[in-house]
């Protein structure tokens, strides 16, 4: 199971940040940006290999389930 920042969104934010710097903004003047989109990924194959039971309610909330 993994809960973390949405990687495509993080790369998009990095591009926006780099664009601002390339347009002349001072990096020290830019605010620190924190990810606002997170995702939950569950690997059922690994859970089965470890003989773990994942509740159906948790599976329903997951953004991605790896069979």
PDB file of N, CA and C in Angstrom:
ATOM      1  N   UNK A   1       0.839  -1.160   0.000  1.00  0.00           N
ATOM      2  CA  UNK A   1       0.000   0.000   0.000  1.00  0.00           C
ATOM      3  C   UNK A   1       0.892   1.234   0.000  1.00  0.00           C
ATOM      4  N   UNK A   2       0.471   2.234  -0.734  1.00  0.00           N
ATOM      5  CA  UNK A   2       1.232   3.470  -0.812  1.00  0.00           C
ATOM      6  C   UNK A   2       0.266   4.651  -0.841  1.00  0.00           C
ATOM      7  N   UNK A   3       0.577   5.645  -0.032  1.00  0.00           N
ATOM      8  CA  UNK A   3      -0.202   6.874  -0.026  1.00  0.00           C
ATOM      9  C   UNK A   3       0.776   8.014  -0.205  1.00  0.00           C
ATOM     10  N   UNK A   4       0.667   8.725  -1.311  1.00  0.00           N
ATOM     11  CA  UNK A   4       1.628   9.793  -1.565  1.00  0.00           C
ATOM     12  C   UNK A   4       1.122  10.766  -2.601  1.00  0.00           C
ATOM     13  N   UNK A   5       1.989  11.688  -2.936  1.00  0.00           N
ATOM     14  CA  UNK A   5       1.648  12.734  -3.893  1.00  0.00           C
ATOM     15  C   UNK A   5       1.406  12.142  -5.275  1.00  0.00           C
ATOM     16  N   UNK A   6       0.501  12.746  -6.005  1.00  0.00           N
ATOM     17  CA  UNK A   6       0.222  12.365  -7.383  1.00  0.00           C
ATOM     18  C   UNK A   6       1.402  12.835  -8.228  1.00  0.00           C
ATOM     19  N   UNK A   7       2.159  11.888  -8.815  1.00  0.00           N
ATOM     20  CA  UNK A   7       3.393  12.241  -9.517  1.00  0.00           C
ATOM     21  C   UNK A   7       3.186  13.134 -10.736  1.00  0.00           C
ATOM     22  N   UNK A   8       2.202  12.876 -11.600  1.00  0.00           N
ATOM     23  CA  UNK A   8       2.021  13.811 -12.725  1.00  0.00           C
ATOM     24  C   UNK A   8       1.734  15.242 -12.269  1.00  0.00           C
ATOM     25  N   UNK A   9       0.997  15.382 -11.180  1.00  0.00           N
ATOM     26  CA  UNK A   9       0.715  16.720 -10.649  1.00  0.00           C
ATOM     27  C   UNK A   9       1.990  17.360 -10.100  1.00  0.00           C
ATOM     28  N   UNK A  10       2.834  16.569  -9.445  1.00  0.00           N
ATOM     29  CA  UNK A  10       4.087  17.094  -8.907  1.00  0.00           C
ATOM     30  C   UNK A  10       5.012  17.555 -10.035  1.00  0.00           C
ATOM     31  N   UNK A  11       5.076  16.793 -11.126  1.00  0.00           N
ATOM     32  CA  UNK A  11       5.918  17.188 -12.262  1.00  0.00           C
ATOM     33  C   UNK A  11       5.374  18.459 -12.923  1.00  0.00           C
ATOM     34  N   UNK A  12       4.054  18.583 -12.981  1.00  0.00           N
ATOM     35  CA  UNK A  12       3.456  19.790 -13.551  1.00  0.00           C
ATOM     36  C   UNK A  12       3.822  21.001 -12.703  1.00  0.00           C
ATOM     37  N   UNK A  13       3.738  20.855 -11.397  1.00  0.00           N
ATOM     38  CA  UNK A  13       4.099  21.956 -10.491  1.00  0.00           C
ATOM     39  C   UNK A  13       5.569  22.327 -10.644  1.00  0.00           C
ATOM     40  N   UNK A  14       6.435  21.303 -10.823  1.00  0.00           N
ATOM     41  CA  UNK A  14       7.867  21.579 -11.009  1.00  0.00           C
ATOM     42  C   UNK A  14       8.088  22.364 -12.301  1.00  0.00           C
ATOM     43  N   UNK A  15       7.330  22.048 -13.339  1.00  0.00           N
ATOM     44  CA  UNK A  15       7.431  22.777 -14.596  1.00  0.00           C
ATOM     45  C   UNK A  15       6.998  24.226 -14.463  1.00  0.00           C
ATOM     46  N   UNK A  16       5.929  24.450 -13.731  1.00  0.00           N
ATOM     47  CA  UNK A  16       5.454  25.820 -13.493  1.00  0.00           C
ATOM     48  C   UNK A  16       6.508  26.605 -12.712  1.00  0.00           C
ATOM     49  N   UNK A  17       7.086  25.964 -11.722  1.00  0.00           N
ATOM     50  CA  UNK A  17       8.128  26.591 -10.899  1.00  0.00           C
ATOM     51  C   UNK A  17       9.338  26.953 -11.747  1.00  0.00           C
ATOM     52  N   UNK A  18       9.784  25.995 -12.586  1.00  0.00           N
ATOM     53  CA  UNK A  18      10.935  26.237 -13.457  1.00  0.00           C
ATOM     54  C   UNK A  18      10.624  27.357 -14.452  1.00  0.00           C
ATOM     55  N   UNK A  19       9.409  27.392 -14.958  1.00  0.00           N
ATOM     56  CA  UNK A  19       9.005  28.450 -15.877  1.00  0.00           C
ATOM     57  C   UNK A  19       9.097  29.824 -15.248  1.00  0.00           C
ATOM     58  N   UNK A  20       8.695  29.925 -14.001  1.00  0.00           N
ATOM     59  CA  UNK A  20       8.781  31.213 -13.305  1.00  0.00           C
ATOM     60  C   UNK A  20      10.229  31.659 -13.150  1.00  0.00           C
ATOM     61  N   UNK A  21      11.100  30.699 -12.822  1.00  0.00           N
ATOM     62  CA  UNK A  21      12.520  31.034 -12.658  1.00  0.00           C
ATOM     63  C   UNK A  21      13.122  31.461 -13.994  1.00  0.00           C
ATOM     64  N   UNK A  22      12.777  30.743 -15.067  1.00  0.00           N
ATOM     65  CA  UNK A  22      13.299  31.093 -16.383  1.00  0.00           C
ATOM     66  C   UNK A  22      12.794  32.450 -16.879  1.00  0.00           C
ATOM     67  N   UNK A  23      11.644  32.872 -16.382  1.00  0.00           N
ATOM     68  CA  UNK A  23      11.106  34.188 -16.768  1.00  0.00           C
ATOM     69  C   UNK A  23      11.689  35.312 -15.917  1.00  0.00           C
ATOM     70  N   UNK A  24      12.579  34.968 -14.980  1.00  0.00           N
ATOM     71  CA  UNK A  24      13.273  36.003 -14.229  1.00  0.00           C
ATOM     72  C   UNK A  24      12.954  36.108 -12.754  1.00  0.00           C
ATOM     73  N   UNK A  25      12.057  35.285 -12.245  1.00  0.00           N
ATOM     74  CA  UNK A  25      11.742  35.354 -10.819  1.00  0.00           C
ATOM     75  C   UNK A  25      12.911  34.801 -10.006  1.00  0.00           C
ATOM     76  N   UNK A  26      13.157  35.409  -8.869  1.00  0.00           N
ATOM     77  CA  UNK A  26      14.206  34.920  -7.981  1.00  0.00           C
ATOM     78  C   UNK A  26      13.673  33.691  -7.236  1.00  0.00           C
ATOM     79  N   UNK A  27      14.421  32.604  -7.222  1.00  0.00           N
ATOM     80  CA  UNK A  27      13.961  31.409  -6.495  1.00  0.00           C
ATOM     81  C   UNK A  27      13.685  31.689  -5.019  1.00  0.00           C
ATOM     82  N   UNK A  28      14.429  32.606  -4.421  1.00  0.00           N
ATOM     83  CA  UNK A  28      14.216  32.909  -3.001  1.00  0.00           C
ATOM     84  C   UNK A  28      12.896  33.639  -2.762  1.00  0.00           C
ATOM     85  N   UNK A  29      12.333  34.248  -3.811  1.00  0.00           N
ATOM     86  CA  UNK A  29      11.066  34.967  -3.671  1.00  0.00           C
ATOM     87  C   UNK A  29       9.856  34.064  -3.901  1.00  0.00           C
ATOM     88  N   UNK A  30      10.077  32.889  -4.461  1.00  0.00           N
ATOM     89  CA  UNK A  30       8.962  31.987  -4.759  1.00  0.00           C
ATOM     90  C   UNK A  30       8.551  31.213  -3.512  1.00  0.00           C
ATOM     91  N   UNK A  31       7.255  30.996  -3.336  1.00  0.00           N
ATOM     92  CA  UNK A  31       6.800  30.250  -2.165  1.00  0.00           C
ATOM     93  C   UNK A  31       7.109  28.758  -2.311  1.00  0.00           C
ATOM     94  N   UNK A  32       7.207  28.092  -1.181  1.00  0.00           N
ATOM     95  CA  UNK A  32       7.373  26.640  -1.183  1.00  0.00           C
ATOM     96  C   UNK A  32       6.031  26.030  -1.561  1.00  0.00           C
ATOM     97  N   UNK A  33       6.049  25.126  -2.529  1.00  0.00           N
ATOM     98  CA  UNK A  33       4.812  24.534  -3.020  1.00  0.00           C
ATOM     99  C   UNK A  33       4.684  23.117  -2.474  1.00  0.00           C
ATOM    100  N   UNK A  34       3.527  22.833  -1.901  1.00  0.00           N
ATOM    101  CA  UNK A  34       3.252  21.492  -1.383  1.00  0.00           C
ATOM    102  C   UNK A  34       2.175  20.870  -2.249  1.00  0.00           C
ATOM    103  N   UNK A  35       2.303  19.588  -2.479  1.00  0.00           N
ATOM    104  CA  UNK A  35       1.333  18.890  -3.313  1.00  0.00           C
ATOM    105  C   UNK A  35      -0.055  18.958  -2.679  1.00  0.00           C
ATOM    106  N   UNK A  36      -1.056  19.107  -3.524  1.00  0.00           N
ATOM    107  CA  UNK A  36      -2.426  19.181  -3.017  1.00  0.00           C
ATOM    108  C   UNK A  36      -3.235  17.955  -3.426  1.00  0.00           C
ATOM    109  N   UNK A  37      -2.672  17.111  -4.277  1.00  0.00           N
ATOM    110  CA  UNK A  37      -3.367  15.903  -4.723  1.00  0.00           C
ATOM    111  C   UNK A  37      -2.564  14.684  -4.296  1.00  0.00           C
ATOM    112  N   UNK A  38      -3.220  13.777  -3.603  1.00  0.00           N
ATOM    113  CA  UNK A  38      -2.592  12.556  -3.121  1.00  0.00           C
ATOM    114  C   UNK A  38      -3.370  11.360  -3.647  1.00  0.00           C
ATOM    115  N   UNK A  39      -2.693  10.219  -3.733  1.00  0.00           N
ATOM    116  CA  UNK A  39      -3.375   9.018  -4.214  1.00  0.00           C
ATOM    117  C   UNK A  39      -3.001   7.818  -3.349  1.00  0.00           C
ATOM    118  N   UNK A  40      -3.949   6.888  -3.257  1.00  0.00           N
ATOM    119  CA  UNK A  40      -3.767   5.646  -2.515  1.00  0.00           C
ATOM    120  C   UNK A  40      -3.694   4.510  -3.520  1.00  0.00           C
ATOM    121  N   UNK A  41      -2.593   3.756  -3.480  1.00  0.00           N
ATOM    122  CA  UNK A  41      -2.404   2.620  -4.377  1.00  0.00           C
ATOM    123  C   UNK A  41      -2.245   1.376  -3.521  1.00  0.00           C
ATOM    124  N   UNK A  42      -2.999   0.329  -3.857  1.00  0.00           N
ATOM    125  CA  UNK A  42      -2.936  -0.938  -3.119  1.00  0.00           C
ATOM    126  C   UNK A  42      -2.492  -2.037  -4.066  1.00  0.00           C
ATOM    127  N   UNK A  43      -1.487  -2.805  -3.654  1.00  0.00           N
ATOM    128  CA  UNK A  43      -0.977  -3.918  -4.438  1.00  0.00           C
ATOM    129  C   UNK A  43      -1.560  -5.202  -3.851  1.00  0.00           C
ATOM    130  N   UNK A  44      -2.631  -5.696  -4.478  1.00  0.00           N
ATOM    131  CA  UNK A  44      -3.284  -6.905  -3.988  1.00  0.00           C
ATOM    132  C   UNK A  44      -2.419  -8.142  -4.183  1.00  0.00           C
ATOM    133  N   UNK A  45      -1.608  -8.143  -5.229  1.00  0.00           N
ATOM    134  CA  UNK A  45      -0.736  -9.282  -5.492  1.00  0.00           C
ATOM    135  C   UNK A  45       0.257  -9.458  -4.329  1.00  0.00           C
ATOM    136  N   UNK A  46       0.838  -8.383  -3.870  1.00  0.00           N
ATOM    137  CA  UNK A  46       1.764  -8.447  -2.734  1.00  0.00           C
ATOM    138  C   UNK A  46       1.026  -8.805  -1.451  1.00  0.00           C
ATOM    139  N   UNK A  47      -0.179  -8.275  -1.274  1.00  0.00           N
ATOM    140  CA  UNK A  47      -0.964  -8.585  -0.078  1.00  0.00           C
ATOM    141  C   UNK A  47      -1.292 -10.071  -0.021  1.00  0.00           C
ATOM    142  N   UNK A  48      -1.650 -10.650  -1.161  1.00  0.00           N
ATOM    143  CA  UNK A  48      -1.938 -12.090  -1.197  1.00  0.00           C
ATOM    144  C   UNK A  48      -0.683 -12.907  -0.907  1.00  0.00           C
ATOM    145  N   UNK A  49       0.460 -12.480  -1.428  1.00  0.00           N
ATOM    146  CA  UNK A  49       1.716 -13.194  -1.193  1.00  0.00           C
ATOM    147  C   UNK A  49       2.090 -13.179   0.286  1.00  0.00           C
ATOM    148  N   UNK A  50       1.715 -12.099   0.978  1.00  0.00           N
ATOM    149  CA  UNK A  50       1.980 -11.989   2.416  1.00  0.00           C
ATOM    150  C   UNK A  50       0.836 -12.535   3.264  1.00  0.00           C
ATOM    151  N   UNK A  51      -0.186 -13.081   2.599  1.00  0.00           N
ATOM    152  CA  UNK A  51      -1.376 -13.644   3.254  1.00  0.00           C
ATOM    153  C   UNK A  51      -2.096 -12.590   4.104  1.00  0.00           C
ATOM    154  N   UNK A  52      -2.232 -11.392   3.533  1.00  0.00           N
ATOM    155  CA  UNK A  52      -2.953 -10.302   4.192  1.00  0.00           C
ATOM    156  C   UNK A  52      -4.324 -10.129   3.553  1.00  0.00           C
ATOM    157  N   UNK A  53      -5.278  -9.760   4.348  1.00  0.00           N
ATOM    158  CA  UNK A  53      -6.621  -9.486   3.855  1.00  0.00           C
ATOM    159  C   UNK A  53      -6.838  -7.975   3.830  1.00  0.00           C
ATOM    160  N   UNK A  54      -7.194  -7.461   2.675  1.00  0.00           N
ATOM    161  CA  UNK A  54      -7.459  -6.032   2.534  1.00  0.00           C
ATOM    162  C   UNK A  54      -8.967  -5.838   2.554  1.00  0.00           C
ATOM    163  N   UNK A  55      -9.479  -5.046   3.480  1.00  0.00           N
ATOM    164  CA  UNK A  55     -10.934  -4.847   3.568  1.00  0.00           C
ATOM    165  C   UNK A  55     -11.504  -4.238   2.285  1.00  0.00           C
ATOM    166  N   UNK A  56     -12.707  -4.680   1.895  1.00  0.00           N
ATOM    167  CA  UNK A  56     -13.329  -4.145   0.675  1.00  0.00           C
ATOM    168  C   UNK A  56     -13.559  -2.635   0.718  1.00  0.00           C
ATOM    169  N   UNK A  57     -13.795  -2.082   1.891  1.00  0.00           N
ATOM    170  CA  UNK A  57     -14.011  -0.637   1.992  1.00  0.00           C
ATOM    171  C   UNK A  57     -12.731   0.130   1.654  1.00  0.00           C
ATOM    172  N   UNK A  58     -11.576  -0.438   2.022  1.00  0.00           N
ATOM    173  CA  UNK A  58     -10.304   0.194   1.683  1.00  0.00           C
ATOM    174  C   UNK A  58     -10.034   0.087   0.187  1.00  0.00           C
ATOM    175  N   UNK A  59     -10.386  -1.047  -0.402  1.00  0.00           N
ATOM    176  CA  UNK A  59     -10.228  -1.223  -1.843  1.00  0.00           C
ATOM    177  C   UNK A  59     -11.110  -0.242  -2.613  1.00  0.00           C
ATOM    178  N   UNK A  60     -12.299   0.028  -2.079  1.00  0.00           N
ATOM    179  CA  UNK A  60     -13.215   0.955  -2.741  1.00  0.00           C
ATOM    180  C   UNK A  60     -12.677   2.391  -2.708  1.00  0.00           C
ATOM    181  N   UNK A  61     -11.923   2.736  -1.688  1.00  0.00           N
ATOM    182  CA  UNK A  61     -11.387   4.092  -1.565  1.00  0.00           C
ATOM    183  C   UNK A  61     -10.089   4.293  -2.342  1.00  0.00           C
ATOM    184  N   UNK A  62      -9.445   3.207  -2.744  1.00  0.00           N
ATOM    185  CA  UNK A  62      -8.150   3.304  -3.416  1.00  0.00           C
ATOM    186  C   UNK A  62      -8.302   3.950  -4.796  1.00  0.00           C
ATOM    187  N   UNK A  63      -7.296   4.753  -5.167  1.00  0.00           N
ATOM    188  CA  UNK A  63      -7.271   5.354  -6.483  1.00  0.00           C
ATOM    189  C   UNK A  63      -6.826   4.342  -7.531  1.00  0.00           C
ATOM    190  N   UNK A  64      -5.974   3.408  -7.126  1.00  0.00           N
ATOM    191  CA  UNK A  64      -5.485   2.377  -8.042  1.00  0.00           C
ATOM    192  C   UNK A  64      -5.297   1.087  -7.270  1.00  0.00           C
ATOM    193  N   UNK A  65      -5.741  -0.038  -7.853  1.00  0.00           N
ATOM    194  CA  UNK A  65      -5.550  -1.349  -7.248  1.00  0.00           C
ATOM    195  C   UNK A  65      -4.774  -2.202  -8.246  1.00  0.00           C
ATOM    196  N   UNK A  66      -3.624  -2.706  -7.800  1.00  0.00           N
ATOM    197  CA  UNK A  66      -2.801  -3.564  -8.651  1.00  0.00           C
ATOM    198  C   UNK A  66      -3.202  -5.000  -8.365  1.00  0.00           C
ATOM    199  N   UNK A  67      -3.710  -5.659  -9.402  1.00  0.00           N
ATOM    200  CA  UNK A  67      -4.155  -7.045  -9.248  1.00  0.00           C
ATOM    201  C   UNK A  67      -2.959  -7.918  -9.344  1.00  0.00           C
TER     202      UNK A  67
END
